Amino acid sequence: MNDQILYPYPDEDLAAIAGRKAISYYRQTTGDEDGVLELMIHYLERGTQYTVDYGDMWESFYDDLSEMGFEIVEEIKKKNPGSDFLETIEPRFREIGDLSRNIGWGFGDDMAEIYSALFNATG
């Protein structure tokens, strides 16, 4: 998967807009809801890794990532997948939680809440 989903733009608004547009375009052109969910998770992973790699970001950056995380929770609840699916994504969300634990702006707390909502445990 292309790691450039968040990385190509140093401008906060352009990065979020480009990533979200890519996800929206994929949804509209393919109708592949599993693929959309994968892109959303990837977006959250890359954004989290971005802040780990480059340091503290601005509040709206974290707000956007948190919003994406909560959208993922809603998508998964709608889809109501089996436990096999949740088992496959759990390590990815555990990694996001580990990476975000000490990140400010409430981002680490949001990621712990998302993990708990998905896996009925504390992150």
PDB file of N, CA and C in Angstrom:
ATOM      1  N   MET A   1       0.840  -1.167   0.000  1.00  0.00           N
ATOM      2  CA  MET A   1       0.000   0.000   0.000  1.00  0.00           C
ATOM      3  C   MET A   1       0.887   1.232   0.000  1.00  0.00           C
ATOM      4  N   ASN A   2       0.440   2.277  -0.629  1.00  0.00           N
ATOM      5  CA  ASN A   2       1.231   3.496  -0.783  1.00  0.00           C
ATOM      6  C   ASN A   2       1.331   4.254   0.534  1.00  0.00           C
ATOM      7  N   ASP A   3       2.542   4.409   1.029  1.00  0.00           N
ATOM      8  CA  ASP A   3       2.757   5.121   2.280  1.00  0.00           C
ATOM      9  C   ASP A   3       2.595   6.620   2.123  1.00  0.00           C
ATOM     10  N   GLN A   4       2.357   7.094   0.942  1.00  0.00           N
ATOM     11  CA  GLN A   4       2.226   8.525   0.709  1.00  0.00           C
ATOM     12  C   GLN A   4       0.841   9.055   1.047  1.00  0.00           C
ATOM     13  N   ILE A   5      -0.030   8.242   1.631  1.00  0.00           N
ATOM     14  CA  ILE A   5      -1.398   8.680   1.892  1.00  0.00           C
ATOM     15  C   ILE A   5      -1.446   9.902   2.805  1.00  0.00           C
ATOM     16  N   LEU A   6      -0.518  10.066   3.727  1.00  0.00           N
ATOM     17  CA  LEU A   6      -0.445  11.276   4.539  1.00  0.00           C
ATOM     18  C   LEU A   6       0.854  12.033   4.335  1.00  0.00           C
ATOM     19  N   TYR A   7       1.882  11.375   3.945  1.00  0.00           N
ATOM     20  CA  TYR A   7       3.211  11.968   3.911  1.00  0.00           C
ATOM     21  C   TYR A   7       3.479  13.007   2.828  1.00  0.00           C
ATOM     22  N   PRO A   8       2.759  13.080   1.720  1.00  0.00           N
ATOM     23  CA  PRO A   8       3.236  13.949   0.643  1.00  0.00           C
ATOM     24  C   PRO A   8       3.116  15.446   0.921  1.00  0.00           C
ATOM     25  N   TYR A   9       2.295  15.848   1.869  1.00  0.00           N
ATOM     26  CA  TYR A   9       2.032  17.268   2.054  1.00  0.00           C
ATOM     27  C   TYR A   9       2.439  17.724   3.450  1.00  0.00           C
ATOM     28  N   PRO A  10       3.306  18.725   3.527  1.00  0.00           N
ATOM     29  CA  PRO A  10       3.651  19.236   4.846  1.00  0.00           C
ATOM     30  C   PRO A  10       2.527  20.085   5.446  1.00  0.00           C
ATOM     31  N   ASP A  11       1.603  20.530   4.621  1.00  0.00           N
ATOM     32  CA  ASP A  11       0.494  21.359   5.074  1.00  0.00           C
ATOM     33  C   ASP A  11      -0.579  20.467   5.693  1.00  0.00           C
ATOM     34  N   GLU A  12      -0.985  20.797   6.912  1.00  0.00           N
ATOM     35  CA  GLU A  12      -1.925  19.961   7.646  1.00  0.00           C
ATOM     36  C   GLU A  12      -3.244  19.738   6.917  1.00  0.00           C
ATOM     37  N   ASP A  13      -3.799  20.771   6.329  1.00  0.00           N
ATOM     38  CA  ASP A  13      -5.088  20.631   5.675  1.00  0.00           C
ATOM     39  C   ASP A  13      -4.984  19.788   4.411  1.00  0.00           C
ATOM     40  N   LEU A  14      -3.957  20.011   3.621  1.00  0.00           N
ATOM     41  CA  LEU A  14      -3.804  19.252   2.382  1.00  0.00           C
ATOM     42  C   LEU A  14      -3.596  17.765   2.645  1.00  0.00           C
ATOM     43  N   ALA A  15      -2.834  17.419   3.672  1.00  0.00           N
ATOM     44  CA  ALA A  15      -2.581  16.010   3.985  1.00  0.00           C
ATOM     45  C   ALA A  15      -3.883  15.296   4.330  1.00  0.00           C
ATOM     46  N   ALA A  16      -4.656  15.872   5.209  1.00  0.00           N
ATOM     47  CA  ALA A  16      -5.912  15.249   5.614  1.00  0.00           C
ATOM     48  C   ALA A  16      -6.889  15.190   4.442  1.00  0.00           C
ATOM     49  N   ILE A  17      -6.975  16.270   3.698  1.00  0.00           N
ATOM     50  CA  ILE A  17      -7.890  16.305   2.559  1.00  0.00           C
ATOM     51  C   ILE A  17      -7.492  15.260   1.518  1.00  0.00           C
ATOM     52  N   ALA A  18      -6.214  15.166   1.194  1.00  0.00           N
ATOM     53  CA  ALA A  18      -5.756  14.203   0.190  1.00  0.00           C
ATOM     54  C   ALA A  18      -6.041  12.775   0.638  1.00  0.00           C
ATOM     55  N   GLY A  19      -5.756  12.479   1.889  1.00  0.00           N
ATOM     56  CA  GLY A  19      -6.000  11.127   2.391  1.00  0.00           C
ATOM     57  C   GLY A  19      -7.472  10.780   2.395  1.00  0.00           C
ATOM     58  N   ARG A  20      -8.280  11.679   2.876  1.00  0.00           N
ATOM     59  CA  ARG A  20      -9.721  11.422   2.933  1.00  0.00           C
ATOM     60  C   ARG A  20     -10.333  11.358   1.530  1.00  0.00           C
ATOM     61  N   LYS A  21      -9.841  12.198   0.626  1.00  0.00           N
ATOM     62  CA  LYS A  21     -10.338  12.142  -0.755  1.00  0.00           C
ATOM     63  C   LYS A  21     -10.005  10.803  -1.402  1.00  0.00           C
ATOM     64  N   ALA A  22      -8.818  10.298  -1.134  1.00  0.00           N
ATOM     65  CA  ALA A  22      -8.428   8.999  -1.694  1.00  0.00           C
ATOM     66  C   ALA A  22      -9.354   7.899  -1.192  1.00  0.00           C
ATOM     67  N   ILE A  23      -9.683   7.930   0.077  1.00  0.00           N
ATOM     68  CA  ILE A  23     -10.582   6.932   0.651  1.00  0.00           C
ATOM     69  C   ILE A  23     -11.978   7.078   0.057  1.00  0.00           C
ATOM     70  N   SER A  24     -12.462   8.301  -0.027  1.00  0.00           N
ATOM     71  CA  SER A  24     -13.791   8.555  -0.588  1.00  0.00           C
ATOM     72  C   SER A  24     -13.865   8.121  -2.051  1.00  0.00           C
ATOM     73  N   TYR A  25     -12.836   8.468  -2.802  1.00  0.00           N
ATOM     74  CA  TYR A  25     -12.802   8.080  -4.218  1.00  0.00           C
ATOM     75  C   TYR A  25     -12.811   6.562  -4.363  1.00  0.00           C
ATOM     76  N   TYR A  26     -12.034   5.893  -3.549  1.00  0.00           N
ATOM     77  CA  TYR A  26     -11.989   4.426  -3.594  1.00  0.00           C
ATOM     78  C   TYR A  26     -13.371   3.841  -3.288  1.00  0.00           C
ATOM     79  N   ARG A  27     -14.039   4.395  -2.282  1.00  0.00           N
ATOM     80  CA  ARG A  27     -15.378   3.911  -1.910  1.00  0.00           C
ATOM     81  C   ARG A  27     -16.352   4.101  -3.079  1.00  0.00           C
ATOM     82  N   GLN A  28     -16.324   5.276  -3.680  1.00  0.00           N
ATOM     83  CA  GLN A  28     -17.261   5.595  -4.761  1.00  0.00           C
ATOM     84  C   GLN A  28     -17.009   4.770  -6.015  1.00  0.00           C
ATOM     85  N   THR A  29     -15.750   4.522  -6.321  1.00  0.00           N
ATOM     86  CA  THR A  29     -15.437   3.856  -7.585  1.00  0.00           C
ATOM     87  C   THR A  29     -15.436   2.335  -7.494  1.00  0.00           C
ATOM     88  N   THR A  30     -15.247   1.794  -6.299  1.00  0.00           N
ATOM     89  CA  THR A  30     -15.172   0.339  -6.198  1.00  0.00           C
ATOM     90  C   THR A  30     -16.330  -0.282  -5.445  1.00  0.00           C
ATOM     91  N   GLY A  31     -16.891   0.431  -4.481  1.00  0.00           N
ATOM     92  CA  GLY A  31     -17.921  -0.157  -3.636  1.00  0.00           C
ATOM     93  C   GLY A  31     -17.360  -1.242  -2.715  1.00  0.00           C
ATOM     94  N   ASP A  32     -16.072  -1.356  -2.646  1.00  0.00           N
ATOM     95  CA  ASP A  32     -15.389  -2.382  -1.851  1.00  0.00           C
ATOM     96  C   ASP A  32     -15.266  -1.902  -0.408  1.00  0.00           C
ATOM     97  N   GLU A  33     -16.251  -2.214   0.423  1.00  0.00           N
ATOM     98  CA  GLU A  33     -16.258  -1.724   1.801  1.00  0.00           C
ATOM     99  C   GLU A  33     -15.129  -2.327   2.633  1.00  0.00           C
ATOM    100  N   ASP A  34     -14.717  -3.549   2.342  1.00  0.00           N
ATOM    101  CA  ASP A  34     -13.562  -4.119   3.042  1.00  0.00           C
ATOM    102  C   ASP A  34     -12.300  -3.333   2.708  1.00  0.00           C
ATOM    103  N   GLY A  35     -12.161  -2.964   1.450  1.00  0.00           N
ATOM    104  CA  GLY A  35     -11.019  -2.171   1.029  1.00  0.00           C
ATOM    105  C   GLY A  35     -11.033  -0.785   1.639  1.00  0.00           C
ATOM    106  N   VAL A  36     -12.227  -0.201   1.749  1.00  0.00           N
ATOM    107  CA  VAL A  36     -12.361   1.112   2.378  1.00  0.00           C
ATOM    108  C   VAL A  36     -11.909   1.034   3.832  1.00  0.00           C
ATOM    109  N   LEU A  37     -12.345   0.018   4.524  1.00  0.00           N
ATOM    110  CA  LEU A  37     -11.944  -0.155   5.914  1.00  0.00           C
ATOM    111  C   LEU A  37     -10.432  -0.331   6.029  1.00  0.00           C
ATOM    112  N   GLU A  38      -9.859  -1.076   5.125  1.00  0.00           N
ATOM    113  CA  GLU A  38      -8.406  -1.255   5.119  1.00  0.00           C
ATOM    114  C   GLU A  38      -7.701   0.084   4.899  1.00  0.00           C
ATOM    115  N   LEU A  39      -8.199   0.903   3.979  1.00  0.00           N
ATOM    116  CA  LEU A  39      -7.607   2.218   3.745  1.00  0.00           C
ATOM    117  C   LEU A  39      -7.732   3.119   4.976  1.00  0.00           C
ATOM    118  N   MET A  40      -8.861   3.045   5.643  1.00  0.00           N
ATOM    119  CA  MET A  40      -9.066   3.859   6.838  1.00  0.00           C
ATOM    120  C   MET A  40      -8.072   3.463   7.935  1.00  0.00           C
ATOM    121  N   ILE A  41      -7.893   2.178   8.139  1.00  0.00           N
ATOM    122  CA  ILE A  41      -6.942   1.704   9.139  1.00  0.00           C
ATOM    123  C   ILE A  41      -5.527   2.126   8.742  1.00  0.00           C
ATOM    124  N   HIS A  42      -5.219   1.984   7.457  1.00  0.00           N
ATOM    125  CA  HIS A  42      -3.900   2.383   6.962  1.00  0.00           C
ATOM    126  C   HIS A  42      -3.656   3.877   7.199  1.00  0.00           C
ATOM    127  N   TYR A  43      -4.666   4.685   6.950  1.00  0.00           N
ATOM    128  CA  TYR A  43      -4.599   6.134   7.174  1.00  0.00           C
ATOM    129  C   TYR A  43      -4.243   6.418   8.627  1.00  0.00           C
ATOM    130  N   LEU A  44      -4.913   5.725   9.541  1.00  0.00           N
ATOM    131  CA  LEU A  44      -4.650   5.909  10.961  1.00  0.00           C
ATOM    132  C   LEU A  44      -3.239   5.441  11.330  1.00  0.00           C
ATOM    133  N   GLU A  45      -2.827   4.318  10.777  1.00  0.00           N
ATOM    134  CA  GLU A  45      -1.465   3.823  11.025  1.00  0.00           C
ATOM    135  C   GLU A  45      -0.412   4.809  10.525  1.00  0.00           C
ATOM    136  N   ARG A  46      -0.578   5.278   9.298  1.00  0.00           N
ATOM    137  CA  ARG A  46       0.424   6.173   8.710  1.00  0.00           C
ATOM    138  C   ARG A  46       0.469   7.513   9.440  1.00  0.00           C
ATOM    139  N   GLY A  47      -0.687   8.042   9.806  1.00  0.00           N
ATOM    140  CA  GLY A  47      -0.711   9.302  10.541  1.00  0.00           C
ATOM    141  C   GLY A  47      -0.030   9.176  11.891  1.00  0.00           C
ATOM    142  N   THR A  48      -0.257   8.057  12.556  1.00  0.00           N
ATOM    143  CA  THR A  48       0.389   7.820  13.846  1.00  0.00           C
ATOM    144  C   THR A  48       1.900   7.689  13.664  1.00  0.00           C
ATOM    145  N   GLN A  49       2.304   6.946  12.655  1.00  0.00           N
ATOM    146  CA  GLN A  49       3.733   6.787  12.402  1.00  0.00           C
ATOM    147  C   GLN A  49       4.364   8.121  12.011  1.00  0.00           C
ATOM    148  N   TYR A  50       3.630   8.944  11.305  1.00  0.00           N
ATOM    149  CA  TYR A  50       4.135  10.249  10.890  1.00  0.00           C
ATOM    150  C   TYR A  50       4.528  11.091  12.100  1.00  0.00           C
ATOM    151  N   THR A  51       3.644  11.135  13.099  1.00  0.00           N
ATOM    152  CA  THR A  51       3.958  11.941  14.271  1.00  0.00           C
ATOM    153  C   THR A  51       5.087  11.323  15.092  1.00  0.00           C
ATOM    154  N   VAL A  52       5.199  10.005  15.089  1.00  0.00           N
ATOM    155  CA  VAL A  52       6.328   9.354  15.756  1.00  0.00           C
ATOM    156  C   VAL A  52       7.629   9.728  15.043  1.00  0.00           C
ATOM    157  N   ASP A  53       7.609   9.718  13.726  1.00  0.00           N
ATOM    158  CA  ASP A  53       8.804  10.016  12.936  1.00  0.00           C
ATOM    159  C   ASP A  53       9.216  11.483  12.990  1.00  0.00           C
ATOM    160  N   TYR A  54       8.249  12.388  13.006  1.00  0.00           N
ATOM    161  CA  TYR A  54       8.551  13.805  12.848  1.00  0.00           C
ATOM    162  C   TYR A  54       8.251  14.667  14.066  1.00  0.00           C
ATOM    163  N   GLY A  55       7.741  14.087  15.123  1.00  0.00           N
ATOM    164  CA  GLY A  55       7.521  14.851  16.352  1.00  0.00           C
ATOM    165  C   GLY A  55       6.118  15.396  16.472  1.00  0.00           C
ATOM    166  N   ASP A  56       5.945  16.196  17.496  1.00  0.00           N
ATOM    167  CA  ASP A  56       4.634  16.722  17.850  1.00  0.00           C
ATOM    168  C   ASP A  56       4.026  17.514  16.697  1.00  0.00           C
ATOM    169  N   MET A  57       2.754  17.270  16.463  1.00  0.00           N
ATOM    170  CA  MET A  57       2.017  17.942  15.397  1.00  0.00           C
ATOM    171  C   MET A  57       1.044  18.937  16.018  1.00  0.00           C
ATOM    172  N   TRP A  58       0.159  19.447  15.235  1.00  0.00           N
ATOM    173  CA  TRP A  58      -0.823  20.430  15.630  1.00  0.00           C
ATOM    174  C   TRP A  58      -2.113  19.717  16.027  1.00  0.00           C
ATOM    175  N   GLU A  59      -2.932  20.405  16.781  1.00  0.00           N
ATOM    176  CA  GLU A  59      -4.149  19.812  17.329  1.00  0.00           C
ATOM    177  C   GLU A  59      -5.068  19.246  16.249  1.00  0.00           C
ATOM    178  N   SER A  60      -5.262  19.976  15.163  1.00  0.00           N
ATOM    179  CA  SER A  60      -6.190  19.503  14.126  1.00  0.00           C
ATOM    180  C   SER A  60      -5.688  18.218  13.462  1.00  0.00           C
ATOM    181  N   PHE A  61      -4.386  18.015  13.430  1.00  0.00           N
ATOM    182  CA  PHE A  61      -3.810  16.773  12.902  1.00  0.00           C
ATOM    183  C   PHE A  61      -4.306  15.601  13.741  1.00  0.00           C
ATOM    184  N   TYR A  62      -4.188  15.736  15.057  1.00  0.00           N
ATOM    185  CA  TYR A  62      -4.624  14.662  15.950  1.00  0.00           C
ATOM    186  C   TYR A  62      -6.138  14.509  15.954  1.00  0.00           C
ATOM    187  N   ASP A  63      -6.847  15.627  15.856  1.00  0.00           N
ATOM    188  CA  ASP A  63      -8.306  15.555  15.794  1.00  0.00           C
ATOM    189  C   ASP A  63      -8.756  14.756  14.574  1.00  0.00           C
ATOM    190  N   ASP A  64      -8.100  14.987  13.443  1.00  0.00           N
ATOM    191  CA  ASP A  64      -8.450  14.266  12.222  1.00  0.00           C
ATOM    192  C   ASP A  64      -8.186  12.772  12.371  1.00  0.00           C
ATOM    193  N   LEU A  65      -7.039  12.424  12.936  1.00  0.00           N
ATOM    194  CA  LEU A  65      -6.733  11.005  13.116  1.00  0.00           C
ATOM    195  C   LEU A  65      -7.700  10.352  14.096  1.00  0.00           C
ATOM    196  N   SER A  66      -8.009  11.042  15.176  1.00  0.00           N
ATOM    197  CA  SER A  66      -8.965  10.495  16.138  1.00  0.00           C
ATOM    198  C   SER A  66     -10.331  10.302  15.493  1.00  0.00           C
ATOM    199  N   GLU A  67     -10.746  11.282  14.707  1.00  0.00           N
ATOM    200  CA  GLU A  67     -12.030  11.168  14.001  1.00  0.00           C
ATOM    201  C   GLU A  67     -12.032   9.939  13.099  1.00  0.00           C
ATOM    202  N   MET A  68     -10.932   9.721  12.386  1.00  0.00           N
ATOM    203  CA  MET A  68     -10.831   8.543  11.534  1.00  0.00           C
ATOM    204  C   MET A  68     -10.938   7.273  12.374  1.00  0.00           C
ATOM    205  N   GLY A  69     -10.280   7.255  13.519  1.00  0.00           N
ATOM    206  CA  GLY A  69     -10.352   6.086  14.394  1.00  0.00           C
ATOM    207  C   GLY A  69     -11.777   5.791  14.834  1.00  0.00           C
ATOM    208  N   PHE A  70     -12.508   6.819  15.229  1.00  0.00           N
ATOM    209  CA  PHE A  70     -13.897   6.617  15.647  1.00  0.00           C
ATOM    210  C   PHE A  70     -14.787   6.225  14.465  1.00  0.00           C
ATOM    211  N   GLU A  71     -14.478   6.716  13.271  1.00  0.00           N
ATOM    212  CA  GLU A  71     -15.205   6.281  12.071  1.00  0.00           C
ATOM    213  C   GLU A  71     -14.951   4.796  11.808  1.00  0.00           C
ATOM    214  N   ILE A  72     -13.733   4.345  12.041  1.00  0.00           N
ATOM    215  CA  ILE A  72     -13.401   2.927  11.880  1.00  0.00           C
ATOM    216  C   ILE A  72     -14.250   2.091  12.826  1.00  0.00           C
ATOM    217  N   VAL A  73     -14.361   2.535  14.072  1.00  0.00           N
ATOM    218  CA  VAL A  73     -15.183   1.809  15.049  1.00  0.00           C
ATOM    219  C   VAL A  73     -16.614   1.678  14.522  1.00  0.00           C
ATOM    220  N   GLU A  74     -17.167   2.781  14.019  1.00  0.00           N
ATOM    221  CA  GLU A  74     -18.548   2.750  13.505  1.00  0.00           C
ATOM    222  C   GLU A  74     -18.680   1.821  12.301  1.00  0.00           C
ATOM    223  N   GLU A  75     -17.712   1.877  11.395  1.00  0.00           N
ATOM    224  CA  GLU A  75     -17.740   1.000  10.219  1.00  0.00           C
ATOM    225  C   GLU A  75     -17.702  -0.475  10.638  1.00  0.00           C
ATOM    226  N   ILE A  76     -16.869  -0.783  11.597  1.00  0.00           N
ATOM    227  CA  ILE A  76     -16.749  -2.167  12.048  1.00  0.00           C
ATOM    228  C   ILE A  76     -18.027  -2.605  12.760  1.00  0.00           C
ATOM    229  N   LYS A  77     -18.624  -1.720  13.546  1.00  0.00           N
ATOM    230  CA  LYS A  77     -19.890  -2.060  14.212  1.00  0.00           C
ATOM    231  C   LYS A  77     -20.986  -2.324  13.188  1.00  0.00           C
ATOM    232  N   LYS A  78     -21.043  -1.512  12.123  1.00  0.00           N
ATOM    233  CA  LYS A  78     -22.040  -1.711  11.059  1.00  0.00           C
ATOM    234  C   LYS A  78     -21.822  -3.046  10.362  1.00  0.00           C
ATOM    235  N   LYS A  79     -20.582  -3.337  10.109  1.00  0.00           N
ATOM    236  CA  LYS A  79     -20.215  -4.548   9.387  1.00  0.00           C
ATOM    237  C   LYS A  79     -20.431  -5.793  10.242  1.00  0.00           C
ATOM    238  N   ASN A  80     -20.254  -5.634  11.559  1.00  0.00           N
ATOM    239  CA  ASN A  80     -20.400  -6.714  12.522  1.00  0.00           C
ATOM    240  C   ASN A  80     -19.633  -7.973  12.089  1.00  0.00           C
ATOM    241  N   PRO A  81     -18.318  -7.824  11.922  1.00  0.00           N
ATOM    242  CA  PRO A  81     -17.517  -8.954  11.448  1.00  0.00           C
ATOM    243  C   PRO A  81     -17.324 -10.000  12.544  1.00  0.00           C
ATOM    244  N   GLY A  82     -16.903 -11.150  12.140  1.00  0.00           N
ATOM    245  CA  GLY A  82     -16.628 -12.210  13.095  1.00  0.00           C
ATOM    246  C   GLY A  82     -15.358 -11.959  13.874  1.00  0.00           C
ATOM    247  N   SER A  83     -15.134 -12.798  14.847  1.00  0.00           N
ATOM    248  CA  SER A  83     -13.965 -12.640  15.705  1.00  0.00           C
ATOM    249  C   SER A  83     -12.659 -12.848  14.940  1.00  0.00           C
ATOM    250  N   ASP A  84     -12.694 -13.625  13.845  1.00  0.00           N
ATOM    251  CA  ASP A  84     -11.483 -13.826  13.050  1.00  0.00           C
ATOM    252  C   ASP A  84     -10.978 -12.500  12.495  1.00  0.00           C
ATOM    253  N   PHE A  85     -11.890 -11.674  12.002  1.00  0.00           N
ATOM    254  CA  PHE A  85     -11.505 -10.373  11.465  1.00  0.00           C
ATOM    255  C   PHE A  85     -10.896  -9.508  12.566  1.00  0.00           C
ATOM    256  N   LEU A  86     -11.566  -9.466  13.706  1.00  0.00           N
ATOM    257  CA  LEU A  86     -11.057  -8.652  14.803  1.00  0.00           C
ATOM    258  C   LEU A  86      -9.685  -9.139  15.263  1.00  0.00           C
ATOM    259  N   GLU A  87      -9.479 -10.433  15.258  1.00  0.00           N
ATOM    260  CA  GLU A  87      -8.171 -10.979  15.625  1.00  0.00           C
ATOM    261  C   GLU A  87      -7.084 -10.535  14.652  1.00  0.00           C
ATOM    262  N   THR A  88      -7.450 -10.388  13.385  1.00  0.00           N
ATOM    263  CA  THR A  88      -6.435  -9.992  12.398  1.00  0.00           C
ATOM    264  C   THR A  88      -6.050  -8.526  12.517  1.00  0.00           C
ATOM    265  N   ILE A  89      -6.980  -7.678  12.954  1.00  0.00           N
ATOM    266  CA  ILE A  89      -6.648  -6.255  13.054  1.00  0.00           C
ATOM    267  C   ILE A  89      -6.180  -5.850  14.448  1.00  0.00           C
ATOM    268  N   GLU A  90      -6.393  -6.693  15.438  1.00  0.00           N
ATOM    269  CA  GLU A  90      -6.020  -6.331  16.809  1.00  0.00           C
ATOM    270  C   GLU A  90      -4.551  -5.943  16.958  1.00  0.00           C
ATOM    271  N   PRO A  91      -3.609  -6.683  16.373  1.00  0.00           N
ATOM    272  CA  PRO A  91      -2.207  -6.266  16.518  1.00  0.00           C
ATOM    273  C   PRO A  91      -1.921  -4.884  15.924  1.00  0.00           C
ATOM    274  N   ARG A  92      -2.630  -4.533  14.877  1.00  0.00           N
ATOM    275  CA  ARG A  92      -2.432  -3.222  14.255  1.00  0.00           C
ATOM    276  C   ARG A  92      -2.877  -2.111  15.203  1.00  0.00           C
ATOM    277  N   PHE A  93      -4.014  -2.323  15.851  1.00  0.00           N
ATOM    278  CA  PHE A  93      -4.509  -1.317  16.780  1.00  0.00           C
ATOM    279  C   PHE A  93      -3.705  -1.306  18.076  1.00  0.00           C
ATOM    280  N   ARG A  94      -3.191  -2.436  18.476  1.00  0.00           N
ATOM    281  CA  ARG A  94      -2.299  -2.476  19.639  1.00  0.00           C
ATOM    282  C   ARG A  94      -1.048  -1.651  19.345  1.00  0.00           C
ATOM    283  N   GLU A  95      -0.508  -1.781  18.132  1.00  0.00           N
ATOM    284  CA  GLU A  95       0.671  -1.005  17.728  1.00  0.00           C
ATOM    285  C   GLU A  95       0.362   0.494  17.710  1.00  0.00           C
ATOM    286  N   ILE A  96      -0.790   0.863  17.181  1.00  0.00           N
ATOM    287  CA  ILE A  96      -1.202   2.271  17.185  1.00  0.00           C
ATOM    288  C   ILE A  96      -1.276   2.776  18.619  1.00  0.00           C
ATOM    289  N   GLY A  97      -1.861   1.978  19.496  1.00  0.00           N
ATOM    290  CA  GLY A  97      -1.958   2.360  20.903  1.00  0.00           C
ATOM    291  C   GLY A  97      -0.601   2.510  21.556  1.00  0.00           C
ATOM    292  N   ASP A  98       0.297   1.574  21.275  1.00  0.00           N
ATOM    293  CA  ASP A  98       1.650   1.649  21.843  1.00  0.00           C
ATOM    294  C   ASP A  98       2.382   2.895  21.356  1.00  0.00           C
ATOM    295  N   LEU A  99       2.276   3.176  20.069  1.00  0.00           N
ATOM    296  CA  LEU A  99       2.960   4.336  19.496  1.00  0.00           C
ATOM    297  C   LEU A  99       2.388   5.656  20.006  1.00  0.00           C
ATOM    298  N   SER A 100       1.084   5.681  20.255  1.00  0.00           N
ATOM    299  CA  SER A 100       0.421   6.935  20.600  1.00  0.00           C
ATOM    300  C   SER A 100       0.337   7.190  22.098  1.00  0.00           C
ATOM    301  N   ARG A 101       0.744   6.244  22.896  1.00  0.00           N
ATOM    302  CA  ARG A 101       0.557   6.330  24.351  1.00  0.00           C
ATOM    303  C   ARG A 101       1.025   7.664  24.949  1.00  0.00           C
ATOM    304  N   ASN A 102       2.134   8.185  24.511  1.00  0.00           N
ATOM    305  CA  ASN A 102       2.673   9.415  25.098  1.00  0.00           C
ATOM    306  C   ASN A 102       2.506  10.642  24.211  1.00  0.00           C
ATOM    307  N   ILE A 103       1.630  10.555  23.239  1.00  0.00           N
ATOM    308  CA  ILE A 103       1.391  11.690  22.347  1.00  0.00           C
ATOM    309  C   ILE A 103       0.319  12.583  22.965  1.00  0.00           C
ATOM    310  N   GLY A 104       0.526  13.864  22.855  1.00  0.00           N
ATOM    311  CA  GLY A 104      -0.366  14.839  23.461  1.00  0.00           C
ATOM    312  C   GLY A 104      -1.652  15.095  22.708  1.00  0.00           C
ATOM    313  N   TRP A 105      -2.293  16.191  23.062  1.00  0.00           N
ATOM    314  CA  TRP A 105      -3.548  16.644  22.488  1.00  0.00           C
ATOM    315  C   TRP A 105      -4.680  15.631  22.698  1.00  0.00           C
ATOM    316  N   GLY A 106      -4.521  14.703  23.654  1.00  0.00           N
ATOM    317  CA  GLY A 106      -5.548  13.700  23.917  1.00  0.00           C
ATOM    318  C   GLY A 106      -5.547  12.553  22.926  1.00  0.00           C
ATOM    319  N   PHE A 107      -4.599  12.564  22.006  1.00  0.00           N
ATOM    320  CA  PHE A 107      -4.556  11.543  20.954  1.00  0.00           C
ATOM    321  C   PHE A 107      -4.352  10.141  21.536  1.00  0.00           C
ATOM    322  N   GLY A 108      -3.405   9.996  22.449  1.00  0.00           N
ATOM    323  CA  GLY A 108      -3.172   8.695  23.066  1.00  0.00           C
ATOM    324  C   GLY A 108      -4.405   8.180  23.786  1.00  0.00           C
ATOM    325  N   ASP A 109      -5.110   9.072  24.463  1.00  0.00           N
ATOM    326  CA  ASP A 109      -6.345   8.686  25.150  1.00  0.00           C
ATOM    327  C   ASP A 109      -7.412   8.243  24.156  1.00  0.00           C
ATOM    328  N   ASP A 110      -7.520   8.960  23.050  1.00  0.00           N
ATOM    329  CA  ASP A 110      -8.490   8.580  22.019  1.00  0.00           C
ATOM    330  C   ASP A 110      -8.177   7.200  21.447  1.00  0.00           C
ATOM    331  N   MET A 111      -6.897   6.931  21.198  1.00  0.00           N
ATOM    332  CA  MET A 111      -6.527   5.633  20.637  1.00  0.00           C
ATOM    333  C   MET A 111      -6.801   4.508  21.629  1.00  0.00           C
ATOM    334  N   ALA A 112      -6.612   4.765  22.928  1.00  0.00           N
ATOM    335  CA  ALA A 112      -6.952   3.768  23.949  1.00  0.00           C
ATOM    336  C   ALA A 112      -8.455   3.523  23.973  1.00  0.00           C
ATOM    337  N   GLU A 113      -9.242   4.588  23.821  1.00  0.00           N
ATOM    338  CA  GLU A 113     -10.699   4.461  23.796  1.00  0.00           C
ATOM    339  C   GLU A 113     -11.156   3.674  22.568  1.00  0.00           C
ATOM    340  N   ILE A 114     -10.528   3.932  21.439  1.00  0.00           N
ATOM    341  CA  ILE A 114     -10.864   3.212  20.202  1.00  0.00           C
ATOM    342  C   ILE A 114     -10.527   1.737  20.344  1.00  0.00           C
ATOM    343  N   TYR A 115      -9.357   1.445  20.886  1.00  0.00           N
ATOM    344  CA  TYR A 115      -8.959   0.053  21.104  1.00  0.00           C
ATOM    345  C   TYR A 115      -9.981  -0.649  22.000  1.00  0.00           C
ATOM    346  N   SER A 116     -10.347   0.016  23.085  1.00  0.00           N
ATOM    347  CA  SER A 116     -11.316  -0.562  24.007  1.00  0.00           C
ATOM    348  C   SER A 116     -12.669  -0.792  23.332  1.00  0.00           C
ATOM    349  N   ALA A 117     -13.107   0.159  22.526  1.00  0.00           N
ATOM    350  CA  ALA A 117     -14.390   0.025  21.828  1.00  0.00           C
ATOM    351  C   ALA A 117     -14.376  -1.150  20.847  1.00  0.00           C
ATOM    352  N   LEU A 118     -13.236  -1.390  20.226  1.00  0.00           N
ATOM    353  CA  LEU A 118     -13.137  -2.476  19.254  1.00  0.00           C
ATOM    354  C   LEU A 118     -12.961  -3.837  19.895  1.00  0.00           C
ATOM    355  N   PHE A 119     -12.211  -3.879  20.973  1.00  0.00           N
ATOM    356  CA  PHE A 119     -11.793  -5.171  21.510  1.00  0.00           C
ATOM    357  C   PHE A 119     -12.259  -5.410  22.943  1.00  0.00           C
ATOM    358  N   ASN A 120     -13.148  -4.534  23.453  1.00  0.00           N
ATOM    359  CA  ASN A 120     -13.734  -4.689  24.791  1.00  0.00           C
ATOM    360  C   ASN A 120     -12.690  -4.925  25.870  1.00  0.00           C
ATOM    361  N   ALA A 121     -11.627  -4.160  25.804  1.00  0.00           N
ATOM    362  CA  ALA A 121     -10.561  -4.256  26.803  1.00  0.00           C
ATOM    363  C   ALA A 121      -9.967  -2.877  26.986  1.00  0.00           C
ATOM    364  N   THR A 122      -9.129  -2.740  27.943  1.00  0.00           N
ATOM    365  CA  THR A 122      -8.440  -1.457  28.093  1.00  0.00           C
ATOM    366  C   THR A 122      -7.155  -1.534  27.297  1.00  0.00           C
ATOM    367  N   GLY A 123      -6.811  -0.392  26.647  1.00  0.00           N
ATOM    368  CA  GLY A 123      -5.640  -0.337  25.794  1.00  0.00           C
ATOM    369  C   GLY A 123      -4.424  -0.094  26.584  1.00  0.00           C
TER     370      GLY A 123
END
